[in-house]
Amino acid sequence: MDQSLKACLDFIEKYNWKDFSFEKVYRASGIPLSEFYRLFQNKSGVISSLIQYIDEKMLEELAGMDSQNSSREILFEIILTRLEIASPYKKIFQKLFEESLSAPLSSLFISQKGLGSVQWMLEQAGLNPYGWSGMLRVQGLTVLYLYTLKTWFSDASLDMEKTMASLDRGLLRVEKLAHALSL
């Protein structure tokens, strides 16, 4: 991970998202503003970079995934792997969700990156995220992922037992809905 991104994330974790500015991170880290400008289009770019980092790690880790399993089993593994990779940044994501109502414009930019992540999860699972059916898959998986995140935020166990149970229940609901809609 790039040191500039790490410095930004350290600031967000220590303070919060609404008080974040590159100038404050510069004062705390000594990294020149020109370096932040080179890497991030704006404040939301920090979270976009974190999401992209997690996406890349997830795709790398699951590159040899067995496609013989059901879509439900594959999505379970993908989402669980994604949450394991995101675990060091759990506090940051929790703060973002808590503060999202006070920063609607930032939330809009971040949600666009999040939808892209969901498309990549579907790609990894061998499910087409494009067209009308794909749009419904993206929306369904997004709702499931947000539902799972809510549980993940409060799950303090090392084995993510509550999160896995919530994810499994959610995937069962999504699977039933997908069958009903012939997706």
C-alpha atoms as a PDB file:
ATOM      1  CA  MET A   1       0.000   0.000   0.000  1.00  0.00           C
ATOM      2  CA  ASP A   2       1.224   3.447  -0.914  1.00  0.00           C
ATOM      3  CA  GLN A   3       2.500   5.535   2.055  1.00  0.00           C
ATOM      4  CA  SER A   4       0.282   8.472   1.074  1.00  0.00           C
ATOM      5  CA  LEU A   5      -2.831   6.302   1.191  1.00  0.00           C
ATOM      6  CA  LYS A   6      -1.698   4.801   4.491  1.00  0.00           C
ATOM      7  CA  ALA A   7      -1.172   8.284   5.972  1.00  0.00           C
ATOM      8  CA  CYS A   8      -4.686   9.296   4.892  1.00  0.00           C
ATOM      9  CA  LEU A   9      -6.222   6.149   6.363  1.00  0.00           C
ATOM     10  CA  ASP A  10      -4.320   6.595   9.626  1.00  0.00           C
ATOM     11  CA  PHE A  11      -5.752  10.115   9.906  1.00  0.00           C
ATOM     12  CA  ILE A  12      -9.316   8.929   9.243  1.00  0.00           C
ATOM     13  CA  GLU A  13      -8.982   6.120  11.776  1.00  0.00           C
ATOM     14  CA  LYS A  14      -7.545   8.444  14.437  1.00  0.00           C
ATOM     15  CA  TYR A  15      -9.955  11.332  13.848  1.00  0.00           C
ATOM     16  CA  ASN A  16     -12.840  11.023  11.419  1.00  0.00           C
ATOM     17  CA  TRP A  17     -13.895  11.431   7.807  1.00  0.00           C
ATOM     18  CA  LYS A  18     -15.677  14.772   8.035  1.00  0.00           C
ATOM     19  CA  ASP A  19     -12.556  16.448   9.491  1.00  0.00           C
ATOM     20  CA  PHE A  20     -10.257  14.909   6.894  1.00  0.00           C
ATOM     21  CA  SER A  21      -8.246  17.207   4.655  1.00  0.00           C
ATOM     22  CA  PHE A  22      -5.028  16.650   2.755  1.00  0.00           C
ATOM     23  CA  GLU A  23      -3.536  19.672   4.467  1.00  0.00           C
ATOM     24  CA  LYS A  24      -4.133  18.075   7.894  1.00  0.00           C
ATOM     25  CA  VAL A  25      -2.604  14.796   6.714  1.00  0.00           C
ATOM     26  CA  TYR A  26       0.365  16.757   5.354  1.00  0.00           C
ATOM     27  CA  ARG A  27       0.890  18.375   8.766  1.00  0.00           C
ATOM     28  CA  ALA A  28       0.655  14.987  10.507  1.00  0.00           C
ATOM     29  CA  SER A  29       2.763  13.002   8.050  1.00  0.00           C
ATOM     30  CA  GLY A  30       5.068  15.445   6.265  1.00  0.00           C
ATOM     31  CA  ILE A  31       3.991  14.071   2.881  1.00  0.00           C
ATOM     32  CA  PRO A  32       3.778  17.015   0.459  1.00  0.00           C
ATOM     33  CA  LEU A  33       0.390  18.112  -0.837  1.00  0.00           C
ATOM     34  CA  SER A  34       1.702  17.623  -4.368  1.00  0.00           C
ATOM     35  CA  GLU A  35       1.983  13.875  -3.668  1.00  0.00           C
ATOM     36  CA  PHE A  36      -1.661  13.709  -2.584  1.00  0.00           C
ATOM     37  CA  TYR A  37      -2.660  15.699  -5.662  1.00  0.00           C
ATOM     38  CA  ARG A  38      -0.804  13.221  -7.883  1.00  0.00           C
ATOM     39  CA  LEU A  39      -2.593  10.228  -6.324  1.00  0.00           C
ATOM     40  CA  PHE A  40      -6.087  11.426  -5.448  1.00  0.00           C
ATOM     41  CA  GLN A  41      -8.537  13.424  -7.491  1.00  0.00           C
ATOM     42  CA  ASN A  42     -10.305  14.580  -4.327  1.00  0.00           C
ATOM     43  CA  LYS A  43     -11.087  13.532  -0.767  1.00  0.00           C
ATOM     44  CA  SER A  44     -13.333  10.706  -1.949  1.00  0.00           C
ATOM     45  CA  GLY A  45     -10.415   9.398  -3.984  1.00  0.00           C
ATOM     46  CA  VAL A  46      -8.816   8.189  -0.757  1.00  0.00           C
ATOM     47  CA  ILE A  47     -11.681   5.793  -0.104  1.00  0.00           C
ATOM     48  CA  SER A  48     -11.854   4.855  -3.780  1.00  0.00           C
ATOM     49  CA  SER A  49      -8.168   3.914  -3.586  1.00  0.00           C
ATOM     50  CA  LEU A  50      -8.788   1.817  -0.476  1.00  0.00           C
ATOM     51  CA  ILE A  51     -11.699   0.038  -2.143  1.00  0.00           C
ATOM     52  CA  GLN A  52      -9.587  -0.596  -5.237  1.00  0.00           C
ATOM     53  CA  TYR A  53      -6.767  -1.962  -3.060  1.00  0.00           C
ATOM     54  CA  ILE A  54      -9.224  -4.378  -1.399  1.00  0.00           C
ATOM     55  CA  ASP A  55     -10.703  -5.368  -4.788  1.00  0.00           C
ATOM     56  CA  GLU A  56      -7.241  -6.158  -6.178  1.00  0.00           C
ATOM     57  CA  LYS A  57      -6.270  -8.225  -3.134  1.00  0.00           C
ATOM     58  CA  MET A  58      -9.576 -10.113  -3.265  1.00  0.00           C
ATOM     59  CA  LEU A  59      -9.220 -10.903  -6.967  1.00  0.00           C
ATOM     60  CA  GLU A  60      -5.595 -12.008  -6.464  1.00  0.00           C
ATOM     61  CA  GLU A  61      -6.483 -14.242  -3.529  1.00  0.00           C
ATOM     62  CA  LEU A  62      -9.415 -15.866  -5.322  1.00  0.00           C
ATOM     63  CA  ALA A  63      -7.709 -16.255  -8.709  1.00  0.00           C
ATOM     64  CA  GLY A  64      -7.717 -20.061  -8.556  1.00  0.00           C
ATOM     65  CA  MET A  65     -11.171 -20.418  -7.031  1.00  0.00           C
ATOM     66  CA  ASP A  66     -13.011 -23.662  -7.771  1.00  0.00           C
ATOM     67  CA  SER A  67     -15.902 -22.818 -10.064  1.00  0.00           C
ATOM     68  CA  GLN A  68     -17.569 -26.207  -9.458  1.00  0.00           C
ATOM     69  CA  ASN A  69     -19.396 -24.821  -6.420  1.00  0.00           C
ATOM     70  CA  SER A  70     -22.815 -23.190  -6.561  1.00  0.00           C
ATOM     71  CA  SER A  71     -23.076 -19.429  -7.125  1.00  0.00           C
ATOM     72  CA  ARG A  72     -24.203 -19.089  -3.525  1.00  0.00           C
ATOM     73  CA  GLU A  73     -21.096 -20.899  -2.200  1.00  0.00           C
ATOM     74  CA  ILE A  74     -18.825 -18.882  -4.467  1.00  0.00           C
ATOM     75  CA  LEU A  75     -20.388 -15.555  -3.413  1.00  0.00           C
ATOM     76  CA  PHE A  76     -20.104 -16.601   0.236  1.00  0.00           C
ATOM     77  CA  GLU A  77     -16.373 -17.196  -0.231  1.00  0.00           C
ATOM     78  CA  ILE A  78     -15.897 -13.968  -2.184  1.00  0.00           C
ATOM     79  CA  ILE A  79     -17.657 -11.762   0.358  1.00  0.00           C
ATOM     80  CA  LEU A  80     -15.982 -13.467   3.301  1.00  0.00           C
ATOM     81  CA  THR A  81     -12.558 -13.067   1.670  1.00  0.00           C
ATOM     82  CA  ARG A  82     -13.304  -9.423   0.960  1.00  0.00           C
ATOM     83  CA  LEU A  83     -14.244  -8.802   4.605  1.00  0.00           C
ATOM     84  CA  GLU A  84     -11.104 -10.569   5.827  1.00  0.00           C
ATOM     85  CA  ILE A  85      -8.969  -8.333   3.597  1.00  0.00           C
ATOM     86  CA  ALA A  86     -10.907  -5.254   4.777  1.00  0.00           C
ATOM     87  CA  SER A  87     -10.571  -6.176   8.484  1.00  0.00           C
ATOM     88  CA  PRO A  88      -7.616  -3.827   9.152  1.00  0.00           C
ATOM     89  CA  TYR A  89      -9.804  -0.966   7.864  1.00  0.00           C
ATOM     90  CA  LYS A  90     -12.995  -1.942   9.658  1.00  0.00           C
ATOM     91  CA  LYS A  91     -13.001   1.164  11.897  1.00  0.00           C
ATOM     92  CA  ILE A  92     -12.568   3.390   8.846  1.00  0.00           C
ATOM     93  CA  PHE A  93     -15.485   1.815   6.996  1.00  0.00           C
ATOM     94  CA  GLN A  94     -17.619   2.011  10.119  1.00  0.00           C
ATOM     95  CA  LYS A  95     -16.851   5.714  10.483  1.00  0.00           C
ATOM     96  CA  LEU A  96     -17.680   6.282   6.821  1.00  0.00           C
ATOM     97  CA  PHE A  97     -21.069   4.619   7.205  1.00  0.00           C
ATOM     98  CA  GLU A  98     -21.838   6.550  10.383  1.00  0.00           C
ATOM     99  CA  GLU A  99     -20.822   9.874   8.838  1.00  0.00           C
ATOM    100  CA  SER A 100     -22.261   9.262   5.366  1.00  0.00           C
ATOM    101  CA  LEU A 101     -25.455  11.208   6.022  1.00  0.00           C
ATOM    102  CA  SER A 102     -23.493  14.357   6.793  1.00  0.00           C
ATOM    103  CA  ALA A 103     -21.464  14.102   3.571  1.00  0.00           C
ATOM    104  CA  PRO A 104     -23.903  13.126   0.806  1.00  0.00           C
ATOM    105  CA  LEU A 105     -21.656  14.195  -2.084  1.00  0.00           C
ATOM    106  CA  SER A 106     -18.729  12.121  -0.820  1.00  0.00           C
ATOM    107  CA  SER A 107     -21.106   9.225  -0.219  1.00  0.00           C
ATOM    108  CA  LEU A 108     -22.281   9.436  -3.814  1.00  0.00           C
ATOM    109  CA  PHE A 109     -18.727   9.195  -5.189  1.00  0.00           C
ATOM    110  CA  ILE A 110     -17.824   6.365  -2.819  1.00  0.00           C
ATOM    111  CA  SER A 111     -21.001   4.440  -3.633  1.00  0.00           C
ATOM    112  CA  GLN A 112     -20.064   4.527  -7.340  1.00  0.00           C
ATOM    113  CA  LYS A 113     -16.788   2.801  -6.497  1.00  0.00           C
ATOM    114  CA  GLY A 114     -18.697   0.365  -4.287  1.00  0.00           C
ATOM    115  CA  LEU A 115     -20.995  -0.586  -7.184  1.00  0.00           C
ATOM    116  CA  GLY A 116     -17.919  -1.280  -9.273  1.00  0.00           C
ATOM    117  CA  SER A 117     -16.667  -3.601  -6.531  1.00  0.00           C
ATOM    118  CA  VAL A 118     -19.958  -5.481  -6.556  1.00  0.00           C
ATOM    119  CA  GLN A 119     -19.614  -5.920 -10.322  1.00  0.00           C
ATOM    120  CA  TRP A 120     -16.165  -7.432  -9.789  1.00  0.00           C
ATOM    121  CA  MET A 121     -17.522  -9.777  -7.129  1.00  0.00           C
ATOM    122  CA  LEU A 122     -20.144 -10.970  -9.621  1.00  0.00           C
ATOM    123  CA  GLU A 123     -17.472 -11.346 -12.313  1.00  0.00           C
ATOM    124  CA  GLN A 124     -15.398 -13.462  -9.920  1.00  0.00           C
ATOM    125  CA  ALA A 125     -18.470 -15.618  -9.251  1.00  0.00           C
ATOM    126  CA  GLY A 126     -19.050 -16.089 -12.977  1.00  0.00           C
ATOM    127  CA  LEU A 127     -22.309 -14.122 -12.896  1.00  0.00           C
ATOM    128  CA  ASN A 128     -22.882 -11.494 -15.573  1.00  0.00           C
ATOM    129  CA  PRO A 129     -23.191  -8.029 -13.978  1.00  0.00           C
ATOM    130  CA  TYR A 130     -24.288  -6.327 -17.221  1.00  0.00           C
ATOM    131  CA  GLY A 131     -27.613  -5.753 -18.942  1.00  0.00           C
ATOM    132  CA  TRP A 132     -30.997  -5.769 -17.205  1.00  0.00           C
ATOM    133  CA  SER A 133     -30.402  -9.055 -15.381  1.00  0.00           C
ATOM    134  CA  GLY A 134     -26.936  -7.919 -14.379  1.00  0.00           C
ATOM    135  CA  MET A 135     -28.312  -4.645 -13.052  1.00  0.00           C
ATOM    136  CA  LEU A 136     -30.685  -6.614 -10.806  1.00  0.00           C
ATOM    137  CA  ARG A 137     -27.822  -8.859  -9.672  1.00  0.00           C
ATOM    138  CA  VAL A 138     -25.701  -5.798  -8.829  1.00  0.00           C
ATOM    139  CA  GLN A 139     -28.548  -4.221  -6.847  1.00  0.00           C
ATOM    140  CA  GLY A 140     -29.327  -7.454  -5.005  1.00  0.00           C
ATOM    141  CA  LEU A 141     -25.709  -8.128  -4.105  1.00  0.00           C
ATOM    142  CA  THR A 142     -25.239  -4.506  -3.029  1.00  0.00           C
ATOM    143  CA  VAL A 143     -28.150  -4.756  -0.590  1.00  0.00           C
ATOM    144  CA  LEU A 144     -26.824  -8.088   0.687  1.00  0.00           C
ATOM    145  CA  TYR A 145     -23.314  -6.679   1.104  1.00  0.00           C
ATOM    146  CA  LEU A 146     -24.559  -3.620   3.021  1.00  0.00           C
ATOM    147  CA  TYR A 147     -26.718  -5.885   5.199  1.00  0.00           C
ATOM    148  CA  THR A 148     -23.661  -8.041   5.902  1.00  0.00           C
ATOM    149  CA  LEU A 149     -21.489  -4.996   6.665  1.00  0.00           C
ATOM    150  CA  LYS A 150     -23.927  -3.898   9.336  1.00  0.00           C
ATOM    151  CA  THR A 151     -23.432  -7.240  11.100  1.00  0.00           C
ATOM    152  CA  TRP A 152     -19.671  -7.211  10.463  1.00  0.00           C
ATOM    153  CA  PHE A 153     -19.295  -3.834  12.174  1.00  0.00           C
ATOM    154  CA  SER A 154     -20.670  -5.249  15.436  1.00  0.00           C
ATOM    155  CA  ASP A 155     -19.019  -8.684  15.147  1.00  0.00           C
ATOM    156  CA  ALA A 156     -15.999  -8.698  17.471  1.00  0.00           C
ATOM    157  CA  SER A 157     -15.249 -12.417  17.088  1.00  0.00           C
ATOM    158  CA  LEU A 158     -12.034 -13.483  15.372  1.00  0.00           C
ATOM    159  CA  ASP A 159     -13.806 -16.125  13.291  1.00  0.00           C
ATOM    160  CA  MET A 160     -16.569 -13.709  12.167  1.00  0.00           C
ATOM    161  CA  GLU A 161     -19.219 -16.219  13.270  1.00  0.00           C
ATOM    162  CA  LYS A 162     -22.080 -13.692  13.379  1.00  0.00           C
ATOM    163  CA  THR A 163     -21.043 -12.198  10.054  1.00  0.00           C
ATOM    164  CA  MET A 164     -20.897 -15.605   8.378  1.00  0.00           C
ATOM    165  CA  ALA A 165     -24.341 -16.529   9.718  1.00  0.00           C
ATOM    166  CA  SER A 166     -25.805 -13.217   8.529  1.00  0.00           C
ATOM    167  CA  LEU A 167     -24.167 -13.610   5.136  1.00  0.00           C
ATOM    168  CA  ASP A 168     -25.442 -17.172   4.775  1.00  0.00           C
ATOM    169  CA  ARG A 169     -29.023 -16.116   5.622  1.00  0.00           C
ATOM    170  CA  GLY A 170     -28.795 -13.188   3.225  1.00  0.00           C
ATOM    171  CA  LEU A 171     -27.439 -15.332   0.401  1.00  0.00           C
ATOM    172  CA  LEU A 172     -30.292 -17.791   0.899  1.00  0.00           C
ATOM    173  CA  ARG A 173     -32.811 -14.932   0.509  1.00  0.00           C
ATOM    174  CA  VAL A 174     -31.026 -13.563  -2.549  1.00  0.00           C
ATOM    175  CA  GLU A 175     -30.828 -17.032  -4.089  1.00  0.00           C
ATOM    176  CA  LYS A 176     -34.583 -17.545  -3.636  1.00  0.00           C
ATOM    177  CA  LEU A 177     -35.312 -14.140  -5.144  1.00  0.00           C
ATOM    178  CA  ALA A 178     -32.953 -14.795  -8.081  1.00  0.00           C
ATOM    179  CA  HIS A 179     -34.726 -18.080  -8.819  1.00  0.00           C
ATOM    180  CA  ALA A 180     -38.129 -16.382  -8.597  1.00  0.00           C
ATOM    181  CA  LEU A 181     -36.955 -13.715 -11.065  1.00  0.00           C
ATOM    182  CA  SER A 182     -35.158 -16.261 -13.273  1.00  0.00           C
ATOM    183  CA  LEU A 183     -31.797 -14.572 -12.805  1.00  0.00           C
END
